[in-house]
Amino acid sequence: SINNFGQWSNLNSVSKTIYTAGAIDTLIKPPTEFAEHEIFIANFEACLKAFNLTVINIVQMIDNFYLNTKNWGLSPQEAIRFQLVNGHCFHFFNK
């Protein structure tokens, strides 16, 4: 588990990609599904397709998130939530 920028910055590019792919998988299939999860998955996948986003792009989003030193104490999952779900994909979830 990666909890902050220090841990994230110690990963090489392949490890960042693998970690991010796992984090995205967890978003799509969490340990406990919430109400309307199927709608979330459909909207999330539509966003990824609409913006043609790959795992590499999402790794770059996380790296960009950490350019702000105020974010260094946050996890990559928070970066994904902030940059991707609440950022790029905002309109897909708030129709």
Protein backbone atom coordinates (compact mmCIF):
# COMPACT_ATOMS: atom_id res chain seq x y z
CA SER A 1 0.00 0.00 0.00
CA ILE A 2 1.30 3.44 -0.95
CA ASN A 3 0.22 6.14 1.47
CA ASN A 4 2.03 9.31 0.40
CA PHE A 5 4.32 11.05 -2.06
CA GLY A 6 7.50 9.70 -0.48
CA GLN A 7 6.44 6.13 -1.08
CA TRP A 8 5.09 6.95 -4.56
CA SER A 9 8.31 8.68 -5.58
CA ASN A 10 10.32 5.57 -4.67
CA LEU A 11 8.48 3.53 -7.32
CA ASN A 12 9.88 3.17 -10.82
CA SER A 13 7.62 3.80 -13.82
CA VAL A 14 6.66 0.12 -14.22
CA SER A 15 5.74 -0.17 -10.54
CA LYS A 16 3.70 3.05 -10.73
CA THR A 17 1.81 1.66 -13.72
CA ILE A 18 1.10 -1.66 -12.02
CA TYR A 19 0.05 0.05 -8.78
CA THR A 20 -2.25 2.45 -10.65
CA ALA A 21 -3.85 -0.38 -12.63
CA GLY A 22 -4.61 -2.12 -9.33
CA ALA A 23 -6.08 1.07 -7.87
CA ILE A 24 -8.34 1.47 -10.91
CA ASP A 25 -9.41 -2.18 -10.63
CA THR A 26 -10.32 -1.53 -7.00
CA LEU A 27 -12.48 1.42 -8.07
CA ILE A 28 -14.28 -0.76 -10.59
CA LYS A 29 -14.61 -3.79 -8.30
CA PRO A 30 -14.26 -2.68 -4.67
CA PRO A 31 -14.22 -5.20 -1.80
CA THR A 32 -17.74 -4.06 -0.88
CA GLU A 33 -19.91 -2.69 -3.64
CA PHE A 34 -22.08 0.33 -2.95
CA ALA A 35 -25.58 1.11 -4.15
CA GLU A 36 -25.75 1.93 -7.85
CA HIS A 37 -22.25 0.54 -8.45
CA GLU A 38 -23.18 -0.56 -11.97
CA ILE A 39 -23.98 3.07 -12.83
CA PHE A 40 -20.63 4.19 -11.41
CA ILE A 41 -18.78 1.62 -13.53
CA ALA A 42 -20.64 2.63 -16.70
CA ASN A 43 -19.96 6.33 -16.10
CA PHE A 44 -16.31 5.71 -15.20
CA GLU A 45 -15.71 3.59 -18.30
CA ALA A 46 -17.50 6.17 -20.47
CA CYS A 47 -15.20 8.87 -19.10
CA LEU A 48 -12.06 6.82 -19.74
CA LYS A 49 -13.19 6.16 -23.31
CA ALA A 50 -14.31 9.73 -23.98
CA PHE A 51 -10.95 11.13 -22.92
CA ASN A 52 -9.04 8.13 -24.30
CA LEU A 53 -7.35 7.72 -20.91
CA THR A 54 -4.91 4.93 -20.27
CA VAL A 55 -3.20 3.78 -17.09
CA ILE A 56 -0.13 5.73 -18.23
CA ASN A 57 -2.24 8.91 -18.38
CA ILE A 58 -3.54 8.25 -14.89
CA VAL A 59 0.02 7.74 -13.58
CA GLN A 60 0.83 11.16 -15.08
CA MET A 61 -2.21 12.62 -13.29
CA ILE A 62 -0.91 11.24 -10.01
CA ASP A 63 2.55 12.65 -10.69
CA ASN A 64 0.96 16.03 -11.47
CA PHE A 65 -1.09 15.85 -8.27
CA TYR A 66 2.15 15.50 -6.33
CA LEU A 67 3.68 18.59 -7.95
CA ASN A 68 1.74 20.47 -5.27
CA THR A 69 3.66 19.88 -2.03
CA LYS A 70 0.40 20.25 -0.07
CA ASN A 71 -0.62 16.87 -1.52
CA TRP A 72 2.50 14.99 -0.39
CA GLY A 73 0.76 13.48 2.64
CA LEU A 74 -2.07 12.04 0.53
CA SER A 75 -2.24 8.65 -1.16
CA PRO A 76 -2.29 7.95 -4.90
CA GLN A 77 -5.92 6.85 -4.43
CA GLU A 78 -6.71 10.39 -3.27
CA ALA A 79 -4.92 11.69 -6.37
CA ILE A 80 -7.08 9.45 -8.57
CA ARG A 81 -10.22 10.58 -6.79
CA PHE A 82 -9.24 14.26 -7.06
CA GLN A 83 -7.68 14.33 -10.54
CA LEU A 84 -9.77 11.72 -12.33
CA VAL A 85 -13.09 11.01 -10.64
CA ASN A 86 -13.78 14.52 -9.32
CA GLY A 87 -11.74 16.24 -12.04
CA HIS A 88 -11.73 14.90 -15.59
CA CYS A 89 -14.78 12.67 -15.07
CA PHE A 90 -16.85 15.10 -13.00
CA HIS A 91 -19.51 15.59 -15.67
CA PHE A 92 -19.94 11.84 -16.17
CA PHE A 93 -20.92 11.39 -12.53
CA ASN A 94 -22.97 14.56 -12.08
CA LYS A 95 -25.48 14.41 -14.90
